[in-house]
């Protein structure tokens, strides 16, 4: 199926980057919907298309409706949205929401989940994005894979159950990792040091796991369980008990995890 006309539901980080990239790839973005006037207007202006904040005024002319909103907002949109275009294909972009949320609401439905971190202020190269797709028919699954490939991305077919674990893994690999950067930034700035001093270390850590397994790439005092260093660090964090707790728990987990793996080799 050759899809050209797309309606974007949502105007957040994912919706913004996806809509702009789809338009650059030759797709026709007919309309943007968001309940927030400012967000809808901003994205529609960038795309040069109309927008609405009223779900009952969403265009019925779309061939594909991409719903990219907070998970908690999905349920309330399903019925009014699918009534607008009964023959269209409806997909959401969520990692942890099952495909069958559409069941009983739409005839044709699926998931187009881009596993990447998105911020509006930073461009995303979609050649570096992996899409995980699912649909209730083979024809629509093929169409979603084709859309992902047309953006220069990789396309992987994944069930709702598999995607749930992808999302958990992504939270550990991306969201939690970035929080560690925030803690490092806090500690450095509190002692007159720039965060940019960490960037070569961060970059090399990321590069290593392209060639080594994460367990093989693990280094540091927790991996070798250097109690002198660990205890010294905990003393330094006495004034920040929350950080001391995080440090201690993660150090313990690294040691136990790597030790158990070595024992099972």
C-alpha atoms as a PDB file:
ATOM      1  CA  UNK A   1       0.000   0.000   0.000  1.00  0.00           C
ATOM      2  CA  UNK A   2       1.392   3.376  -1.027  1.00  0.00           C
ATOM      3  CA  UNK A   3       0.670   5.804   1.826  1.00  0.00           C
ATOM      4  CA  UNK A   4       1.121   9.519   1.162  1.00  0.00           C
ATOM      5  CA  UNK A   5      -1.375  11.529   3.238  1.00  0.00           C
ATOM      6  CA  UNK A   6      -0.675  11.567   6.975  1.00  0.00           C
ATOM      7  CA  UNK A   7      -2.353  13.151   9.998  1.00  0.00           C
ATOM      8  CA  UNK A   8      -0.140  13.774  13.038  1.00  0.00           C
ATOM      9  CA  UNK A   9      -1.824  13.436  16.426  1.00  0.00           C
ATOM     10  CA  UNK A  10       0.390  15.100  19.015  1.00  0.00           C
ATOM     11  CA  UNK A  11       3.023  17.813  18.899  1.00  0.00           C
ATOM     12  CA  UNK A  12       5.632  16.703  21.415  1.00  0.00           C
ATOM     13  CA  UNK A  13       9.228  15.632  20.881  1.00  0.00           C
ATOM     14  CA  UNK A  14       8.565  12.424  18.940  1.00  0.00           C
ATOM     15  CA  UNK A  15       5.684  13.860  16.899  1.00  0.00           C
ATOM     16  CA  UNK A  16       7.725  16.925  15.946  1.00  0.00           C
ATOM     17  CA  UNK A  17      10.797  15.065  14.712  1.00  0.00           C
ATOM     18  CA  UNK A  18       8.784  12.349  12.997  1.00  0.00           C
ATOM     19  CA  UNK A  19       6.468  14.781  11.194  1.00  0.00           C
ATOM     20  CA  UNK A  20       9.329  16.948   9.934  1.00  0.00           C
ATOM     21  CA  UNK A  21      11.287  13.927   8.714  1.00  0.00           C
ATOM     22  CA  UNK A  22       8.240  12.383   7.024  1.00  0.00           C
ATOM     23  CA  UNK A  23       7.589  15.639   5.189  1.00  0.00           C
ATOM     24  CA  UNK A  24      11.212  15.852   4.038  1.00  0.00           C
ATOM     25  CA  UNK A  25      10.898  12.289   2.741  1.00  0.00           C
ATOM     26  CA  UNK A  26       7.984  13.317   0.517  1.00  0.00           C
ATOM     27  CA  UNK A  27       4.951  12.477   2.637  1.00  0.00           C
ATOM     28  CA  UNK A  28       2.071  14.948   2.765  1.00  0.00           C
ATOM     29  CA  UNK A  29       1.305  16.045   6.313  1.00  0.00           C
ATOM     30  CA  UNK A  30      -2.332  17.094   6.010  1.00  0.00           C
ATOM     31  CA  UNK A  31      -2.913  18.307   9.558  1.00  0.00           C
ATOM     32  CA  UNK A  32      -1.596  18.410  13.123  1.00  0.00           C
ATOM     33  CA  UNK A  33      -3.767  17.846  16.172  1.00  0.00           C
ATOM     34  CA  UNK A  34      -2.785  18.771  19.715  1.00  0.00           C
ATOM     35  CA  UNK A  35      -4.919  19.796  22.658  1.00  0.00           C
ATOM     36  CA  UNK A  36      -2.376  22.531  23.380  1.00  0.00           C
ATOM     37  CA  UNK A  37      -2.802  25.524  21.070  1.00  0.00           C
ATOM     38  CA  UNK A  38       0.813  26.678  21.276  1.00  0.00           C
ATOM     39  CA  UNK A  39       2.239  23.232  20.513  1.00  0.00           C
ATOM     40  CA  UNK A  40      -0.150  22.578  17.632  1.00  0.00           C
ATOM     41  CA  UNK A  41       0.471  26.002  16.110  1.00  0.00           C
ATOM     42  CA  UNK A  42       4.264  25.743  16.416  1.00  0.00           C
ATOM     43  CA  UNK A  43       4.506  22.366  14.685  1.00  0.00           C
ATOM     44  CA  UNK A  44       1.927  23.236  12.015  1.00  0.00           C
ATOM     45  CA  UNK A  45       3.825  26.428  11.188  1.00  0.00           C
ATOM     46  CA  UNK A  46       7.047  24.453  10.716  1.00  0.00           C
ATOM     47  CA  UNK A  47       5.218  22.034   8.437  1.00  0.00           C
ATOM     48  CA  UNK A  48       3.129  24.635   6.602  1.00  0.00           C
ATOM     49  CA  UNK A  49      -0.091  22.751   7.283  1.00  0.00           C
ATOM     50  CA  UNK A  50      -3.333  23.427   9.199  1.00  0.00           C
ATOM     51  CA  UNK A  51      -3.888  22.359  12.773  1.00  0.00           C
ATOM     52  CA  UNK A  52      -6.722  21.831  15.215  1.00  0.00           C
ATOM     53  CA  UNK A  53      -7.115  21.483  18.960  1.00  0.00           C
ATOM     54  CA  UNK A  54     -10.554  19.870  18.595  1.00  0.00           C
ATOM     55  CA  UNK A  55     -10.485  16.086  18.115  1.00  0.00           C
ATOM     56  CA  UNK A  56     -13.865  16.295  16.337  1.00  0.00           C
ATOM     57  CA  UNK A  57     -12.303  18.565  13.706  1.00  0.00           C
ATOM     58  CA  UNK A  58      -9.453  16.244  12.786  1.00  0.00           C
ATOM     59  CA  UNK A  59      -9.437  15.733   9.017  1.00  0.00           C
ATOM     60  CA  UNK A  60     -11.073  12.578   7.678  1.00  0.00           C
ATOM     61  CA  UNK A  61      -8.811  12.609   4.594  1.00  0.00           C
ATOM     62  CA  UNK A  62      -5.775  10.883   6.099  1.00  0.00           C
ATOM     63  CA  UNK A  63      -4.557   7.503   4.911  1.00  0.00           C
ATOM     64  CA  UNK A  64      -2.373   7.112   8.010  1.00  0.00           C
ATOM     65  CA  UNK A  65      -2.960   8.590  11.464  1.00  0.00           C
ATOM     66  CA  UNK A  66       0.157   8.633  13.638  1.00  0.00           C
ATOM     67  CA  UNK A  67      -0.725   9.078  17.300  1.00  0.00           C
ATOM     68  CA  UNK A  68       2.244  10.293  19.315  1.00  0.00           C
ATOM     69  CA  UNK A  69       0.964  11.426  22.704  1.00  0.00           C
ATOM     70  CA  UNK A  70       1.530  10.534  26.348  1.00  0.00           C
ATOM     71  CA  UNK A  71       0.490   6.956  27.094  1.00  0.00           C
ATOM     72  CA  UNK A  72      -2.098   8.227  29.572  1.00  0.00           C
ATOM     73  CA  UNK A  73      -3.771  10.334  26.850  1.00  0.00           C
ATOM     74  CA  UNK A  74      -4.212   7.538  24.305  1.00  0.00           C
ATOM     75  CA  UNK A  75      -7.417   5.963  25.593  1.00  0.00           C
ATOM     76  CA  UNK A  76      -9.469   9.132  25.406  1.00  0.00           C
ATOM     77  CA  UNK A  77      -8.486   9.721  21.756  1.00  0.00           C
ATOM     78  CA  UNK A  78      -9.200   6.289  20.294  1.00  0.00           C
ATOM     79  CA  UNK A  79     -12.962   6.349  19.747  1.00  0.00           C
ATOM     80  CA  UNK A  80     -13.379   9.949  18.500  1.00  0.00           C
ATOM     81  CA  UNK A  81     -10.326   9.635  16.268  1.00  0.00           C
ATOM     82  CA  UNK A  82     -11.079   6.307  14.597  1.00  0.00           C
ATOM     83  CA  UNK A  83     -14.633   7.432  13.810  1.00  0.00           C
ATOM     84  CA  UNK A  84     -13.186  10.156  11.592  1.00  0.00           C
ATOM     85  CA  UNK A  85     -11.717   7.766   9.001  1.00  0.00           C
ATOM     86  CA  UNK A  86     -12.891   4.155   9.354  1.00  0.00           C
ATOM     87  CA  UNK A  87     -10.829   2.917   6.388  1.00  0.00           C
ATOM     88  CA  UNK A  88      -7.537   4.538   7.441  1.00  0.00           C
ATOM     89  CA  UNK A  89      -4.544   2.950   9.161  1.00  0.00           C
ATOM     90  CA  UNK A  90      -4.063   4.035  12.786  1.00  0.00           C
ATOM     91  CA  UNK A  91      -0.768   3.615  14.643  1.00  0.00           C
ATOM     92  CA  UNK A  92       0.747   4.802  17.891  1.00  0.00           C
ATOM     93  CA  UNK A  93       4.437   5.417  18.586  1.00  0.00           C
ATOM     94  CA  UNK A  94       4.595   4.197  22.197  1.00  0.00           C
ATOM     95  CA  UNK A  95       7.090   1.624  23.384  1.00  0.00           C
ATOM     96  CA  UNK A  96       5.115   0.209  26.281  1.00  0.00           C
ATOM     97  CA  UNK A  97       1.526   0.320  24.959  1.00  0.00           C
ATOM     98  CA  UNK A  98       0.240  -2.872  23.281  1.00  0.00           C
ATOM     99  CA  UNK A  99      -1.071  -2.857  19.724  1.00  0.00           C
ATOM    100  CA  UNK A 100      -4.422  -4.272  20.797  1.00  0.00           C
ATOM    101  CA  UNK A 101      -5.374  -0.949  22.382  1.00  0.00           C
ATOM    102  CA  UNK A 102      -6.807  -0.291  18.898  1.00  0.00           C
ATOM    103  CA  UNK A 103      -8.826  -3.518  18.827  1.00  0.00           C
ATOM    104  CA  UNK A 104     -12.553  -2.859  18.566  1.00  0.00           C
ATOM    105  CA  UNK A 105     -11.852   0.771  17.632  1.00  0.00           C
ATOM    106  CA  UNK A 106     -10.128   0.580  14.238  1.00  0.00           C
ATOM    107  CA  UNK A 107     -10.244  -1.907  11.379  1.00  0.00           C
ATOM    108  CA  UNK A 108      -6.592  -1.364  10.474  1.00  0.00           C
ATOM    109  CA  UNK A 109      -4.071  -0.599  13.164  1.00  0.00           C
ATOM    110  CA  UNK A 110      -0.516  -1.033  14.331  1.00  0.00           C
ATOM    111  CA  UNK A 111       2.554   0.415  16.011  1.00  0.00           C
ATOM    112  CA  UNK A 112       5.404   2.518  14.635  1.00  0.00           C
ATOM    113  CA  UNK A 113       7.811   2.832  17.575  1.00  0.00           C
ATOM    114  CA  UNK A 114      11.018   4.827  16.985  1.00  0.00           C
ATOM    115  CA  UNK A 115      13.516   3.780  19.640  1.00  0.00           C
ATOM    116  CA  UNK A 116      15.599   6.909  20.045  1.00  0.00           C
ATOM    117  CA  UNK A 117      15.889   9.832  22.438  1.00  0.00           C
ATOM    118  CA  UNK A 118      14.194  12.966  21.081  1.00  0.00           C
ATOM    119  CA  UNK A 119      14.510  16.599  22.174  1.00  0.00           C
ATOM    120  CA  UNK A 120      12.852  19.380  20.174  1.00  0.00           C
ATOM    121  CA  UNK A 121      15.924  21.600  20.333  1.00  0.00           C
ATOM    122  CA  UNK A 122      18.265  18.980  18.861  1.00  0.00           C
ATOM    123  CA  UNK A 123      17.993  17.538  15.317  1.00  0.00           C
ATOM    124  CA  UNK A 124      17.816  13.759  14.956  1.00  0.00           C
ATOM    125  CA  UNK A 125      19.445  11.809  12.131  1.00  0.00           C
ATOM    126  CA  UNK A 126      16.853   9.166  11.275  1.00  0.00           C
ATOM    127  CA  UNK A 127      19.604   7.014   9.793  1.00  0.00           C
ATOM    128  CA  UNK A 128      20.447   6.438  13.472  1.00  0.00           C
ATOM    129  CA  UNK A 129      16.889   5.465  14.439  1.00  0.00           C
ATOM    130  CA  UNK A 130      15.520   1.935  14.736  1.00  0.00           C
ATOM    131  CA  UNK A 131      11.770   1.528  14.219  1.00  0.00           C
ATOM    132  CA  UNK A 132       9.900  -1.404  15.734  1.00  0.00           C
ATOM    133  CA  UNK A 133       6.721  -2.197  13.838  1.00  0.00           C
ATOM    134  CA  UNK A 134       3.576  -4.237  14.377  1.00  0.00           C
ATOM    135  CA  UNK A 135       0.243  -4.353  12.524  1.00  0.00           C
ATOM    136  CA  UNK A 136      -2.896  -6.444  12.435  1.00  0.00           C
ATOM    137  CA  UNK A 137      -2.448  -7.273   8.733  1.00  0.00           C
ATOM    138  CA  UNK A 138       0.606  -8.239   6.721  1.00  0.00           C
ATOM    139  CA  UNK A 139      -0.102  -5.549   4.119  1.00  0.00           C
ATOM    140  CA  UNK A 140      -0.090  -2.799   6.727  1.00  0.00           C
ATOM    141  CA  UNK A 141       2.984  -4.261   8.428  1.00  0.00           C
ATOM    142  CA  UNK A 142       4.760  -4.093   5.068  1.00  0.00           C
ATOM    143  CA  UNK A 143       3.574  -0.488   4.654  1.00  0.00           C
ATOM    144  CA  UNK A 144       4.926   0.536   8.073  1.00  0.00           C
ATOM    145  CA  UNK A 145       8.264  -1.140   7.382  1.00  0.00           C
ATOM    146  CA  UNK A 146       8.376   0.735   4.076  1.00  0.00           C
ATOM    147  CA  UNK A 147       7.792   4.065   5.803  1.00  0.00           C
ATOM    148  CA  UNK A 148      10.618   3.408   8.273  1.00  0.00           C
ATOM    149  CA  UNK A 149      12.991   2.407   5.477  1.00  0.00           C
ATOM    150  CA  UNK A 150      12.015   5.466   3.406  1.00  0.00           C
ATOM    151  CA  UNK A 151      13.285   7.663   6.258  1.00  0.00           C
ATOM    152  CA  UNK A 152      16.676   5.962   6.119  1.00  0.00           C
ATOM    153  CA  UNK A 153      15.957   4.070   9.324  1.00  0.00           C
ATOM    154  CA  UNK A 154      16.155   0.403  10.208  1.00  0.00           C
ATOM    155  CA  UNK A 155      12.871  -1.507  10.576  1.00  0.00           C
ATOM    156  CA  UNK A 156      12.371  -4.448  12.913  1.00  0.00           C
ATOM    157  CA  UNK A 157       9.148  -6.358  13.425  1.00  0.00           C
ATOM    158  CA  UNK A 158       8.407  -6.835  17.132  1.00  0.00           C
ATOM    159  CA  UNK A 159       5.400  -8.062  19.079  1.00  0.00           C
ATOM    160  CA  UNK A 160       3.802  -5.961  21.805  1.00  0.00           C
ATOM    161  CA  UNK A 161       5.426  -8.201  24.430  1.00  0.00           C
ATOM    162  CA  UNK A 162       8.874  -7.815  22.864  1.00  0.00           C
ATOM    163  CA  UNK A 163       8.399  -4.062  22.601  1.00  0.00           C
ATOM    164  CA  UNK A 164       7.578  -3.812  26.320  1.00  0.00           C
ATOM    165  CA  UNK A 165      11.001  -5.240  27.120  1.00  0.00           C
ATOM    166  CA  UNK A 166      12.648  -3.043  24.499  1.00  0.00           C
ATOM    167  CA  UNK A 167      11.179  -0.055  26.312  1.00  0.00           C
ATOM    168  CA  UNK A 168      12.416  -1.197  29.722  1.00  0.00           C
ATOM    169  CA  UNK A 169      15.874  -1.836  28.257  1.00  0.00           C
ATOM    170  CA  UNK A 170      15.844   1.618  26.657  1.00  0.00           C
ATOM    171  CA  UNK A 171      14.992   3.231  30.007  1.00  0.00           C
ATOM    172  CA  UNK A 172      18.042   1.572  31.570  1.00  0.00           C
ATOM    173  CA  UNK A 173      20.348   2.275  28.612  1.00  0.00           C
ATOM    174  CA  UNK A 174      19.264   5.853  27.933  1.00  0.00           C
ATOM    175  CA  UNK A 175      17.129   7.522  30.612  1.00  0.00           C
ATOM    176  CA  UNK A 176      18.962   6.163  33.650  1.00  0.00           C
ATOM    177  CA  UNK A 177      22.328   6.747  31.987  1.00  0.00           C
ATOM    178  CA  UNK A 178      21.447  10.382  31.307  1.00  0.00           C
ATOM    179  CA  UNK A 179      20.432  10.803  34.959  1.00  0.00           C
ATOM    180  CA  UNK A 180      23.929   9.637  35.911  1.00  0.00           C
ATOM    181  CA  UNK A 181      25.291  12.377  33.636  1.00  0.00           C
ATOM    182  CA  UNK A 182      23.112  14.882  35.518  1.00  0.00           C
ATOM    183  CA  UNK A 183      24.537  13.693  38.849  1.00  0.00           C
ATOM    184  CA  UNK A 184      28.080  13.921  37.480  1.00  0.00           C
ATOM    185  CA  UNK A 185      27.351  17.455  36.226  1.00  0.00           C
ATOM    186  CA  UNK A 186      26.063  18.423  39.682  1.00  0.00           C
ATOM    187  CA  UNK A 187      29.167  17.082  41.441  1.00  0.00           C
ATOM    188  CA  UNK A 188      31.550  18.718  38.987  1.00  0.00           C
ATOM    189  CA  UNK A 189      29.887  22.136  38.998  1.00  0.00           C
ATOM    190  CA  UNK A 190      29.754  22.095  42.818  1.00  0.00           C
ATOM    191  CA  UNK A 191      33.548  21.882  42.804  1.00  0.00           C
ATOM    192  CA  UNK A 192      34.361  24.277  39.987  1.00  0.00           C
ATOM    193  CA  UNK A 193      34.844  21.714  37.213  1.00  0.00           C
ATOM    194  CA  UNK A 194      33.194  21.717  33.750  1.00  0.00           C
ATOM    195  CA  UNK A 195      30.979  18.844  32.614  1.00  0.00           C
ATOM    196  CA  UNK A 196      32.727  18.881  29.233  1.00  0.00           C
ATOM    197  CA  UNK A 197      35.710  17.277  30.972  1.00  0.00           C
ATOM    198  CA  UNK A 198      33.570  14.101  31.114  1.00  0.00           C
ATOM    199  CA  UNK A 199      32.724  14.020  27.404  1.00  0.00           C
ATOM    200  CA  UNK A 200      35.744  12.004  26.176  1.00  0.00           C
ATOM    201  CA  UNK A 201      35.045   9.408  28.884  1.00  0.00           C
ATOM    202  CA  UNK A 202      31.338   9.295  28.015  1.00  0.00           C
ATOM    203  CA  UNK A 203      32.090   8.972  24.298  1.00  0.00           C
ATOM    204  CA  UNK A 204      34.598   6.156  24.784  1.00  0.00           C
ATOM    205  CA  UNK A 205      32.204   4.295  27.090  1.00  0.00           C
ATOM    206  CA  UNK A 206      29.531   4.416  24.372  1.00  0.00           C
ATOM    207  CA  UNK A 207      31.972   3.432  21.615  1.00  0.00           C
ATOM    208  CA  UNK A 208      33.235   0.399  23.531  1.00  0.00           C
ATOM    209  CA  UNK A 209      29.871  -1.353  23.576  1.00  0.00           C
ATOM    210  CA  UNK A 210      29.863  -1.333  19.773  1.00  0.00           C
ATOM    211  CA  UNK A 211      32.718  -3.847  20.008  1.00  0.00           C
ATOM    212  CA  UNK A 212      32.496  -5.413  23.482  1.00  0.00           C
ATOM    213  CA  UNK A 213      29.581  -6.750  25.488  1.00  0.00           C
ATOM    214  CA  UNK A 214      28.531  -4.313  28.238  1.00  0.00           C
ATOM    215  CA  UNK A 215      29.741  -6.746  30.904  1.00  0.00           C
ATOM    216  CA  UNK A 216      33.154  -7.057  29.232  1.00  0.00           C
ATOM    217  CA  UNK A 217      33.400  -3.268  28.935  1.00  0.00           C
ATOM    218  CA  UNK A 218      32.690  -2.673  32.647  1.00  0.00           C
ATOM    219  CA  UNK A 219      35.558  -1.058  34.565  1.00  0.00           C
ATOM    220  CA  UNK A 220      35.940   0.925  37.786  1.00  0.00           C
ATOM    221  CA  UNK A 221      36.125   0.326  41.530  1.00  0.00           C
ATOM    222  CA  UNK A 222      32.787  -1.535  41.738  1.00  0.00           C
ATOM    223  CA  UNK A 223      33.770  -4.018  39.031  1.00  0.00           C
ATOM    224  CA  UNK A 224      36.960  -4.975  40.903  1.00  0.00           C
ATOM    225  CA  UNK A 225      35.286  -4.232  44.245  1.00  0.00           C
ATOM    226  CA  UNK A 226      37.985  -1.908  45.532  1.00  0.00           C
ATOM    227  CA  UNK A 227      36.523  -1.269  48.989  1.00  0.00           C
ATOM    228  CA  UNK A 228      39.086   1.415  49.848  1.00  0.00           C
ATOM    229  CA  UNK A 229      38.016   3.570  46.897  1.00  0.00           C
ATOM    230  CA  UNK A 230      34.309   2.829  47.375  1.00  0.00           C
ATOM    231  CA  UNK A 231      34.386   3.722  51.083  1.00  0.00           C
ATOM    232  CA  UNK A 232      36.346   6.890  50.388  1.00  0.00           C
ATOM    233  CA  UNK A 233      33.763   7.953  47.805  1.00  0.00           C
ATOM    234  CA  UNK A 234      30.920   7.223  50.228  1.00  0.00           C
ATOM    235  CA  UNK A 235      32.609   9.415  52.856  1.00  0.00           C
ATOM    236  CA  UNK A 236      32.846  12.225  50.316  1.00  0.00           C
ATOM    237  CA  UNK A 237      29.092  11.903  49.673  1.00  0.00           C
ATOM    238  CA  UNK A 238      28.064  12.081  53.342  1.00  0.00           C
ATOM    239  CA  UNK A 239      26.598  15.544  52.830  1.00  0.00           C
ATOM    240  CA  UNK A 240      24.399  14.177  50.013  1.00  0.00           C
ATOM    241  CA  UNK A 241      22.821  10.989  51.387  1.00  0.00           C
ATOM    242  CA  UNK A 242      20.627  10.459  48.320  1.00  0.00           C
ATOM    243  CA  UNK A 243      23.692  10.277  46.071  1.00  0.00           C
ATOM    244  CA  UNK A 244      25.510   8.093  48.597  1.00  0.00           C
ATOM    245  CA  UNK A 245      22.612   5.623  48.503  1.00  0.00           C
ATOM    246  CA  UNK A 246      22.608   5.547  44.700  1.00  0.00           C
ATOM    247  CA  UNK A 247      26.388   5.096  44.619  1.00  0.00           C
ATOM    248  CA  UNK A 248      26.317   2.270  47.164  1.00  0.00           C
ATOM    249  CA  UNK A 249      23.416   0.396  45.574  1.00  0.00           C
ATOM    250  CA  UNK A 250      24.794   0.568  42.044  1.00  0.00           C
ATOM    251  CA  UNK A 251      28.304  -0.393  43.181  1.00  0.00           C
ATOM    252  CA  UNK A 252      26.887  -3.429  44.969  1.00  0.00           C
ATOM    253  CA  UNK A 253      24.826  -4.421  41.934  1.00  0.00           C
ATOM    254  CA  UNK A 254      27.781  -4.088  39.541  1.00  0.00           C
ATOM    255  CA  UNK A 255      29.920  -6.274  41.794  1.00  0.00           C
ATOM    256  CA  UNK A 256      27.243  -8.940  42.282  1.00  0.00           C
ATOM    257  CA  UNK A 257      26.212  -8.968  38.613  1.00  0.00           C
ATOM    258  CA  UNK A 258      29.744  -9.327  37.238  1.00  0.00           C
ATOM    259  CA  UNK A 259      30.717 -11.861  39.930  1.00  0.00           C
ATOM    260  CA  UNK A 260      27.703 -14.069  39.174  1.00  0.00           C
ATOM    261  CA  UNK A 261      28.447 -14.003  35.459  1.00  0.00           C
ATOM    262  CA  UNK A 262      32.074 -15.001  36.044  1.00  0.00           C
ATOM    263  CA  UNK A 263      30.969 -17.884  38.276  1.00  0.00           C
ATOM    264  CA  UNK A 264      28.680 -19.173  35.526  1.00  0.00           C
ATOM    265  CA  UNK A 265      31.311 -19.068  32.785  1.00  0.00           C
END
